[in-house]
Amino acid sequence: MKKYKIIIAFLSLTCSTNIYAQQLKDTMSLLMQNEWTVTYNIGKNDSIISISSYTRTDYIEKSNNQESKIEIYSKYYLSNKPEPIFDYDKVGKVFNGNYIIIGGREGVTDRVTIREIIKISDTELEYILINSADQTRSSEDKQKFTFREKPNKK
């Protein structure tokens, strides 16, 4: 009887741990599950809507205003510290981090955009841009993104 109590206790602990672990999402999963939108007002009657999304390896930014539409694809990875030199070997391999490191053109390692994640959840992404040259925070560049659901893929 004592054996059965130990087995039941062990199974209960294992099941509750698995349920709790399934509820936690890594940073990359949170980034990938939504399109993140922000609107910049650039004049009386004009604004730019920027829509950002992430795959496992690419950061995609779509911007449009009344005159043009732009779509930019860049490689990115997550890090626990700001990194002024882009490391292509880390792309798609790190699933958690406090910083989003976005690279420039393929093969260029010294042109990076660093974003310090302030808040991330299922519905909200907030970050601060960090100057890659001196790695200082730029509070006037603080941008808060709220999500828009991705269209259903068929």
Foldseek 3Di string as FASTA:
>chain_A
DVVVVVVVVVVVVVVVVVVVVVVDFAPLVLQAQFWWWDWADDDDPKIKIWTWGDDLFWIWIWIDIPPDIDIDIWGKAAAADQDQFADNVRGNPDRHYQKIWTDDPPPGTRDIWIWGWPDTDNWWTWTFTADSVVRHTDVVRTDIITGDGDPDDD
